[in-house]
Amino acid sequence: MRNRWAILAILFVVRLTIAFQFQSVAAVAPLLEKTFGVGLADIGLLIGLYFTPGVVLALPGGAIGRTLGDKPTTIVALLLMTAGSLVMATTDIWGWQMAGRLASGAGGVLLTVQLTKMGADWFAGKEIATAMAIFVSSWPTGVAISLLVLPAIGTAHGAGAVFLAAAALTVIGIVLIAFYQPPPAASAATTASAARLDPLAALAVIAAGLIWGLYNVGFAMIFSFGPSLLTERGWSIAAAGSAISLVLWLSVISVPSGGFLADRTARPLALAVTASLAVALLLAWLPRSDSVIAILVLIGLISGHPAGPIMSLPARVLAPETRAIGMGVFYTLFYAAMMLGPAVAGRLAKSTGSAAVALDLGALAVLACPPLLWLFERIVSVRNRRSQS
């Protein structure tokens, strides 16, 4: 297969499995609470554990891919994800649930890093912004599908069936990745560069990683604790999942449209700041309003707009020889934020007795992004002046 759009479709579906598996816990959180006798703090920890391996594996992820190759690395990652889901499906011990979640997360990290590289291989220098916007949209698509499908499976067959469904999807991913081919002009793998980031580039990448991590923490609060918030109000698990999935389905549209608007207006950061402020307001409003569907629709239509501009930040300061290490730093911070965010939110929800506080935490996380965007711009400006002097 040599059609790059067909390749992108394969990468899209395979990456979708990560989001589907990640959401498998939050989609049936009330069921897990009853099955294992745990609370929201434990659920938050289990959600966050999925990203814990990223703190360790994101930096060496690229080197692992260069050593094993594209297909073997993705297959190993998908096998780890499958094994993790199977462990969670077949045990009634909470400690093994956590172990299975960590194994799944390790596979998800390797798969994320490798699929991003594979997509860039096919689209470097040709419609890469469009391709990456579509690629990123696989995450909300996977989460939205899980919110529609998994609560019904869990209600009918129990929590174990939910994790079996996640395992089945990763097996499909293994089948699909067998059709992947590298681009004809792909160069042979090279040894890791010894180049180092200059201090200002490193600071800029750290700021970019924090922005992406915090924004995603805010976004994750919607689908991680939104179902619990609605069930507290008397919604059924299936109805709550369907309502929250509106955000994800609409963000499938708003992510690429945000990238398009950023390119057309040539003001990507202004768009990111405006959208971030709006999303923070809506997150804070959701637990305090009865207009649930209207707010969820607005969040879905707006929340995807900053994704493209934020994801483009590292490229502004990373040269080809520093891209691997720079993106490793970027993803390490992202995974650290996504590991800690749900765990902190779960503890706060336990202490207050309501999932509403998790949405407030999400609003604060998103509200921190505009100042960090300003800081990033200041660092880049200073770096450019020094390079010209």
Protein backbone atom coordinates (compact mmCIF):
# COMPACT_ATOMS: atom_id res chain seq x y z
CA MET A 1 0.00 0.00 0.00
CA ARG A 2 1.58 3.25 -1.20
CA ASN A 3 -1.28 5.76 -1.06
CA ARG A 4 -0.41 8.15 1.76
CA TRP A 5 -4.04 8.94 2.57
CA ALA A 6 -4.79 5.24 2.88
CA ILE A 7 -1.75 4.96 5.16
CA LEU A 8 -3.10 7.88 7.21
CA ALA A 9 -6.42 6.06 7.52
CA ILE A 10 -4.61 3.01 8.93
CA LEU A 11 -2.63 5.15 11.39
CA PHE A 12 -5.84 6.96 12.38
CA VAL A 13 -7.67 3.73 13.25
CA VAL A 14 -4.66 2.22 15.05
CA ARG A 15 -4.17 5.38 17.12
CA LEU A 16 -7.89 5.36 17.88
CA THR A 17 -7.34 2.15 19.88
CA ILE A 18 -5.29 4.11 22.44
CA ALA A 19 -8.13 6.54 23.13
CA PHE A 20 -10.70 3.74 23.23
CA GLN A 21 -8.64 1.80 25.76
CA PHE A 22 -7.84 4.87 27.86
CA GLN A 23 -11.53 5.71 28.16
CA SER A 24 -12.51 2.13 29.08
CA VAL A 25 -12.14 2.96 32.79
CA ALA A 26 -13.93 6.32 32.88
CA ALA A 27 -16.77 5.13 30.64
CA VAL A 28 -17.87 2.59 33.26
CA ALA A 29 -16.51 4.25 36.41
CA PRO A 30 -19.76 3.76 38.39
CA LEU A 31 -19.71 0.03 37.53
CA LEU A 32 -16.10 -0.29 38.69
CA GLU A 33 -16.93 1.48 41.95
CA LYS A 34 -19.65 -1.10 42.66
CA THR A 35 -17.69 -4.12 41.40
CA PHE A 36 -14.48 -3.43 43.32
CA GLY A 37 -15.82 -1.35 46.19
CA VAL A 38 -13.65 1.66 45.36
CA GLY A 39 -14.28 5.41 45.27
CA LEU A 40 -13.68 8.28 42.88
CA ALA A 41 -10.12 8.74 44.19
CA ASP A 42 -9.28 5.17 43.19
CA ILE A 43 -10.95 5.61 39.80
CA GLY A 44 -8.96 8.80 39.23
CA LEU A 45 -5.74 6.98 40.08
CA LEU A 46 -6.61 4.14 37.70
CA ILE A 47 -7.35 6.61 34.91
CA GLY A 48 -4.08 8.47 35.48
CA LEU A 49 -2.01 5.26 35.64
CA TYR A 50 -2.46 4.88 31.89
CA PHE A 51 -0.11 7.81 31.36
CA THR A 52 2.40 6.95 34.08
CA PRO A 53 4.73 4.93 31.77
CA GLY A 54 4.97 7.95 29.49
CA VAL A 55 7.06 9.78 32.06
CA VAL A 56 9.71 7.06 31.65
CA LEU A 57 9.18 5.84 28.08
CA ALA A 58 8.53 9.04 26.12
CA LEU A 59 12.19 10.07 25.94
CA PRO A 60 13.59 6.67 24.85
CA GLY A 61 10.53 5.88 22.73
CA GLY A 62 12.12 7.16 19.54
CA ALA A 63 15.30 5.17 20.13
CA ILE A 64 13.26 2.02 20.69
CA GLY A 65 11.52 2.59 17.37
CA ARG A 66 14.81 3.11 15.55
CA THR A 67 16.19 -0.12 17.02
CA LEU A 68 13.18 -2.37 16.35
CA GLY A 69 11.69 -0.66 13.30
CA ASP A 70 8.25 0.80 12.67
CA LYS A 71 6.11 -2.32 12.36
CA PRO A 72 7.76 -4.40 15.11
CA THR A 73 7.54 -1.49 17.56
CA THR A 74 3.87 -0.86 16.86
CA ILE A 75 3.07 -4.57 17.11
CA VAL A 76 4.90 -4.88 20.44
CA ALA A 77 3.02 -1.80 21.68
CA LEU A 78 -0.35 -3.22 20.60
CA LEU A 79 0.46 -6.58 22.22
CA LEU A 80 1.21 -4.79 25.50
CA MET A 81 -2.10 -2.98 25.24
CA THR A 82 -3.93 -6.23 24.53
CA ALA A 83 -2.27 -8.01 27.45
CA GLY A 84 -3.15 -5.17 29.81
CA SER A 85 -6.81 -5.25 28.84
CA LEU A 86 -6.95 -9.03 29.22
CA VAL A 87 -5.49 -8.80 32.72
CA MET A 88 -8.11 -6.22 33.69
CA ALA A 89 -10.88 -8.36 32.17
CA THR A 90 -9.98 -11.52 34.05
CA THR A 91 -9.14 -10.39 37.58
CA ASP A 92 -11.25 -9.26 40.50
CA ILE A 93 -8.24 -7.94 42.45
CA TRP A 94 -7.80 -4.18 42.38
CA GLY A 95 -4.00 -4.41 42.44
CA TRP A 96 -4.06 -6.45 39.23
CA GLN A 97 -6.37 -3.89 37.69
CA MET A 98 -3.65 -1.33 38.30
CA ALA A 99 -0.96 -3.63 36.88
CA GLY A 100 -3.00 -4.24 33.75
CA ARG A 101 -3.58 -0.51 33.36
CA LEU A 102 0.17 0.17 33.58
CA ALA A 103 0.93 -2.48 30.94
CA SER A 104 -1.71 -0.98 28.65
CA GLY A 105 -0.31 2.48 29.22
CA ALA A 106 3.24 1.37 28.37
CA GLY A 107 1.98 0.05 25.06
CA GLY A 108 0.00 3.23 24.47
CA VAL A 109 3.08 5.41 25.00
CA LEU A 110 5.22 3.44 22.56
CA LEU A 111 2.41 3.43 20.03
CA THR A 112 1.83 7.19 20.33
CA VAL A 113 5.47 8.08 19.74
CA GLN A 114 5.89 5.63 16.86
CA LEU A 115 2.66 6.44 15.03
CA THR A 116 3.46 10.16 15.17
CA LYS A 117 6.83 9.46 13.56
CA MET A 118 5.25 7.21 10.90
CA GLY A 119 2.69 9.87 9.98
CA ALA A 120 5.41 12.51 9.68
CA ASP A 121 7.43 10.17 7.43
CA TRP A 122 4.60 10.10 4.89
CA PHE A 123 3.57 13.76 5.02
CA ALA A 124 6.78 15.70 5.72
CA GLY A 125 6.76 18.79 3.53
CA LYS A 126 3.37 18.03 1.95
CA GLU A 127 0.08 18.84 3.69
CA ILE A 128 1.52 17.82 7.04
CA ALA A 129 -0.65 20.30 8.96
CA THR A 130 -3.82 18.83 7.48
CA ALA A 131 -2.58 15.28 7.98
CA MET A 132 -1.59 15.86 11.61
CA ALA A 133 -4.92 17.55 12.35
CA ILE A 134 -6.72 14.47 11.04
CA PHE A 135 -4.28 12.24 12.93
CA VAL A 136 -4.90 14.08 16.23
CA SER A 137 -8.66 13.77 15.67
CA SER A 138 -8.35 10.02 16.16
CA TRP A 139 -8.18 10.61 19.94
CA PRO A 140 -11.60 12.26 20.38
CA THR A 141 -13.04 9.80 17.87
CA GLY A 142 -11.84 6.84 19.94
CA VAL A 143 -13.09 8.33 23.19
CA ALA A 144 -16.47 9.20 21.64
CA ILE A 145 -16.94 5.67 20.32
CA SER A 146 -16.05 4.24 23.72
CA LEU A 147 -18.58 6.49 25.46
CA LEU A 148 -21.29 5.26 23.13
CA VAL A 149 -20.39 1.57 23.14
CA LEU A 150 -18.74 0.68 26.44
CA PRO A 151 -21.43 1.79 28.92
CA ALA A 152 -23.96 -0.42 27.12
CA ILE A 153 -21.55 -3.36 27.12
CA GLY A 154 -20.75 -2.82 30.80
CA THR A 155 -24.38 -2.51 31.83
CA ALA A 156 -25.31 -5.70 29.97
CA HIS A 157 -22.27 -7.89 30.65
CA GLY A 158 -20.18 -6.30 33.41
CA ALA A 159 -16.87 -4.45 33.63
CA GLY A 160 -14.84 -7.43 32.41
CA ALA A 161 -16.63 -7.37 29.05
CA VAL A 162 -15.63 -3.72 28.63
CA PHE A 163 -11.94 -4.58 28.88
CA LEU A 164 -12.40 -7.54 26.55
CA ALA A 165 -13.86 -5.13 23.98
CA ALA A 166 -10.77 -2.91 24.34
CA ALA A 167 -8.54 -5.96 23.85
CA ALA A 168 -10.47 -6.97 20.71
CA LEU A 169 -9.95 -3.53 19.20
CA THR A 170 -6.19 -3.61 19.77
CA VAL A 171 -6.08 -7.01 18.04
CA ILE A 172 -7.78 -5.36 15.06
CA GLY A 173 -5.05 -2.72 15.23
CA ILE A 174 -2.39 -5.44 14.92
CA VAL A 175 -4.11 -6.74 11.79
CA LEU A 176 -4.33 -3.27 10.26
CA ILE A 177 -0.71 -2.34 10.95
CA ALA A 178 0.36 -5.35 8.89
CA PHE A 179 -0.71 -3.35 5.81
CA TYR A 180 1.52 -0.39 6.67
CA GLN A 181 4.45 0.34 4.36
CA PRO A 182 7.12 3.02 4.82
CA PRO A 183 7.20 5.80 2.21
CA PRO A 184 9.34 5.07 -0.86
CA ALA A 185 11.75 7.90 -0.08
CA ALA A 186 12.18 6.96 3.58
CA SER A 187 15.83 7.02 4.55
CA ALA A 188 17.45 4.30 6.54
CA ALA A 189 17.32 4.68 10.27
CA THR A 190 20.14 6.73 11.63
CA THR A 191 21.85 6.63 14.93
CA ALA A 192 20.68 9.02 17.57
CA SER A 193 22.13 12.47 17.19
CA ALA A 194 24.38 13.81 19.87
CA ALA A 195 23.00 17.31 19.30
CA ARG A 196 21.72 19.08 22.39
CA LEU A 197 19.02 21.64 22.86
CA ASP A 198 20.25 25.13 23.60
CA PRO A 199 18.92 26.44 26.94
CA LEU A 200 16.28 28.75 25.45
CA ALA A 201 15.03 26.06 23.06
CA ALA A 202 14.78 23.67 26.00
CA LEU A 203 12.78 26.22 28.00
CA ALA A 204 10.48 26.82 25.05
CA VAL A 205 9.86 23.09 24.61
CA ILE A 206 9.18 22.73 28.34
CA ALA A 207 6.63 25.56 28.12
CA ALA A 208 5.04 23.93 25.07
CA GLY A 209 4.86 20.56 26.82
CA LEU A 210 3.22 22.12 29.86
CA ILE A 211 0.68 23.90 27.67
CA TRP A 212 -0.25 20.70 25.83
CA GLY A 213 -0.35 18.71 29.06
CA LEU A 214 -2.49 21.19 30.98
CA TYR A 215 -4.88 21.74 28.09
CA ASN A 216 -5.40 18.00 27.77
CA VAL A 217 -5.89 17.68 31.54
CA GLY A 218 -8.74 20.15 31.27
CA PHE A 219 -10.21 18.37 28.27
CA ALA A 220 -9.81 14.98 29.95
CA MET A 221 -11.85 16.10 32.95
CA ILE A 222 -14.93 16.23 30.71
CA PHE A 223 -14.86 12.62 29.60
CA SER A 224 -13.11 11.23 32.70
CA PHE A 225 -15.46 12.70 35.31
CA GLY A 226 -18.32 14.05 33.20
CA PRO A 227 -20.16 10.68 33.23
CA SER A 228 -19.87 10.51 37.03
CA LEU A 229 -21.08 14.10 37.34
CA LEU A 230 -24.20 13.32 35.30
CA THR A 231 -24.93 10.05 37.13
CA GLU A 232 -24.81 12.05 40.38
CA ARG A 233 -27.67 14.08 38.90
CA GLY A 234 -29.70 10.95 38.22
CA TRP A 235 -28.70 10.20 34.64
CA SER A 236 -28.23 6.55 33.66
CA ILE A 237 -24.71 5.38 32.83
CA ALA A 238 -25.61 4.94 29.14
CA ALA A 239 -27.32 8.34 28.89
CA ALA A 240 -24.42 10.09 30.63
CA GLY A 241 -21.91 8.46 28.30
CA SER A 242 -23.91 9.42 25.23
CA ALA A 243 -24.22 13.04 26.37
CA ILE A 244 -20.51 13.42 27.14
CA SER A 245 -19.65 11.80 23.80
CA LEU A 246 -21.14 14.88 22.08
CA VAL A 247 -17.99 16.78 23.07
CA LEU A 248 -15.78 14.19 21.45
CA TRP A 249 -17.79 13.88 18.24
CA LEU A 250 -17.87 17.64 17.76
CA SER A 251 -14.17 17.96 18.53
CA VAL A 252 -13.50 15.61 15.62
CA ILE A 253 -14.72 18.55 13.53
CA SER A 254 -13.29 21.38 15.60
CA VAL A 255 -9.70 20.06 15.72
CA PRO A 256 -9.07 20.17 11.94
CA SER A 257 -11.21 23.30 11.52
CA GLY A 258 -9.12 25.00 14.21
CA GLY A 259 -5.95 24.17 12.30
CA PHE A 260 -7.53 25.51 9.11
CA LEU A 261 -8.59 28.76 10.81
CA ALA A 262 -5.14 29.21 12.37
CA ASP A 263 -3.49 28.89 8.95
CA ARG A 264 -6.01 31.14 7.21
CA THR A 265 -5.89 33.92 9.78
CA ALA A 266 -2.13 33.57 10.42
CA ARG A 267 -2.88 34.22 14.11
CA PRO A 268 -2.68 30.76 15.68
CA LEU A 269 -1.81 31.90 19.20
CA ALA A 270 -4.65 34.45 19.33
CA LEU A 271 -7.02 31.67 18.34
CA ALA A 272 -5.55 29.33 20.97
CA VAL A 273 -5.81 31.93 23.75
CA THR A 274 -9.39 32.91 22.89
CA ALA A 275 -10.54 29.29 22.64
CA SER A 276 -8.76 28.34 25.88
CA LEU A 277 -10.48 31.11 27.83
CA ALA A 278 -13.86 30.07 26.42
CA VAL A 279 -13.28 26.40 27.27
CA ALA A 280 -12.22 27.27 30.83
CA LEU A 281 -15.42 29.28 31.31
CA LEU A 282 -17.58 26.46 29.95
CA LEU A 283 -15.89 23.84 32.14
CA ALA A 284 -16.58 25.93 35.23
CA TRP A 285 -20.16 26.54 34.10
CA LEU A 286 -21.06 22.90 33.38
CA PRO A 287 -21.41 21.71 37.03
CA ARG A 288 -23.45 24.81 37.87
CA SER A 289 -26.00 24.74 35.07
CA ASP A 290 -28.93 22.59 33.98
CA SER A 291 -28.19 23.39 30.31
CA VAL A 292 -25.95 20.35 30.07
CA ILE A 293 -26.40 19.52 26.39
CA ALA A 294 -25.97 23.13 25.22
CA ILE A 295 -22.74 23.53 27.22
CA LEU A 296 -21.37 20.20 25.99
CA VAL A 297 -22.09 21.22 22.38
CA LEU A 298 -20.26 24.53 22.88
CA ILE A 299 -17.29 22.78 24.47
CA GLY A 300 -17.13 20.37 21.54
CA LEU A 301 -17.28 23.14 18.95
CA ILE A 302 -14.58 25.25 20.63
CA SER A 303 -12.23 22.88 22.45
CA GLY A 304 -10.55 21.46 19.35
CA HIS A 305 -9.36 24.82 18.01
CA PRO A 306 -6.17 25.16 20.12
CA ALA A 307 -4.88 21.66 19.28
CA GLY A 308 -3.22 22.51 15.97
CA PRO A 309 -1.58 25.76 17.14
CA ILE A 310 -0.28 24.13 20.34
CA MET A 311 1.09 21.08 18.55
CA SER A 312 2.96 23.35 16.15
CA LEU A 313 4.89 25.08 18.95
CA PRO A 314 7.84 22.65 19.27
CA ALA A 315 8.59 22.85 15.53
CA ARG A 316 9.29 26.55 15.93
CA VAL A 317 12.38 25.93 18.08
CA LEU A 318 13.51 22.40 17.16
CA ALA A 319 15.99 21.77 14.36
CA PRO A 320 15.96 18.35 12.65
CA GLU A 321 18.93 17.19 14.71
CA THR A 322 17.24 18.10 18.02
CA ARG A 323 13.70 17.03 17.11
CA ALA A 324 13.88 13.58 18.68
CA ILE A 325 15.08 14.75 22.09
CA GLY A 326 12.86 17.83 21.98
CA MET A 327 9.71 15.86 21.28
CA GLY A 328 10.76 13.42 23.99
CA VAL A 329 10.79 16.31 26.49
CA PHE A 330 7.47 17.56 25.12
CA TYR A 331 5.74 14.19 25.50
CA THR A 332 7.30 13.53 28.91
CA LEU A 333 5.67 16.68 30.28
CA PHE A 334 2.40 15.82 28.58
CA TYR A 335 2.32 12.36 30.13
CA ALA A 336 3.31 13.68 33.54
CA ALA A 337 0.41 16.14 33.48
CA MET A 338 -2.03 13.50 32.28
CA MET A 339 -0.84 11.09 34.96
CA LEU A 340 -1.23 13.57 37.82
CA GLY A 341 -4.35 15.43 36.67
CA PRO A 342 -6.95 12.65 36.99
CA ALA A 343 -5.39 11.37 40.22
CA VAL A 344 -5.56 14.82 41.85
CA ALA A 345 -9.08 15.34 40.50
CA GLY A 346 -10.18 11.99 41.92
CA ARG A 347 -8.89 12.84 45.38
CA LEU A 348 -10.58 16.23 45.30
CA ALA A 349 -13.82 14.60 44.18
CA LYS A 350 -13.60 12.13 47.08
CA SER A 351 -12.97 14.89 49.61
CA THR A 352 -15.92 16.97 48.38
CA GLY A 353 -18.21 14.04 47.60
CA SER A 354 -18.86 15.20 44.05
CA ALA A 355 -17.25 14.94 40.62
CA ALA A 356 -18.03 18.63 40.04
CA VAL A 357 -14.70 19.70 41.56
CA ALA A 358 -12.88 17.74 38.83
CA LEU A 359 -14.43 20.03 36.22
CA ASP A 360 -13.32 23.05 38.25
CA LEU A 361 -9.78 21.67 38.31
CA GLY A 362 -9.99 21.22 34.54
CA ALA A 363 -11.05 24.84 34.14
CA LEU A 364 -8.04 26.02 36.16
CA ALA A 365 -5.68 23.83 34.11
CA VAL A 366 -6.95 25.31 30.84
CA LEU A 367 -6.85 28.81 32.33
CA ALA A 368 -3.10 28.35 32.92
CA CYS A 369 -2.47 27.86 29.19
CA PRO A 370 -2.72 31.51 27.97
CA PRO A 371 0.00 32.76 30.39
CA LEU A 372 2.23 29.86 29.34
CA LEU A 373 1.60 30.70 25.67
CA TRP A 374 2.73 34.26 26.42
CA LEU A 375 5.82 32.86 28.16
CA PHE A 376 6.60 30.66 25.16
CA GLU A 377 6.40 33.66 22.85
CA ARG A 378 8.73 35.66 25.09
CA ILE A 379 11.31 32.84 25.14
CA VAL A 380 11.18 32.48 21.35
CA SER A 381 11.49 36.23 20.89
CA VAL A 382 14.59 36.40 23.12
CA ARG A 383 16.09 33.37 21.36
CA ASN A 384 15.54 34.91 17.93
CA ARG A 385 17.14 38.20 18.98
CA ARG A 386 20.19 36.39 20.33
CA SER A 387 20.57 34.32 17.18
CA GLN A 388 20.51 37.47 15.04
CA SER A 389 23.02 39.38 17.15
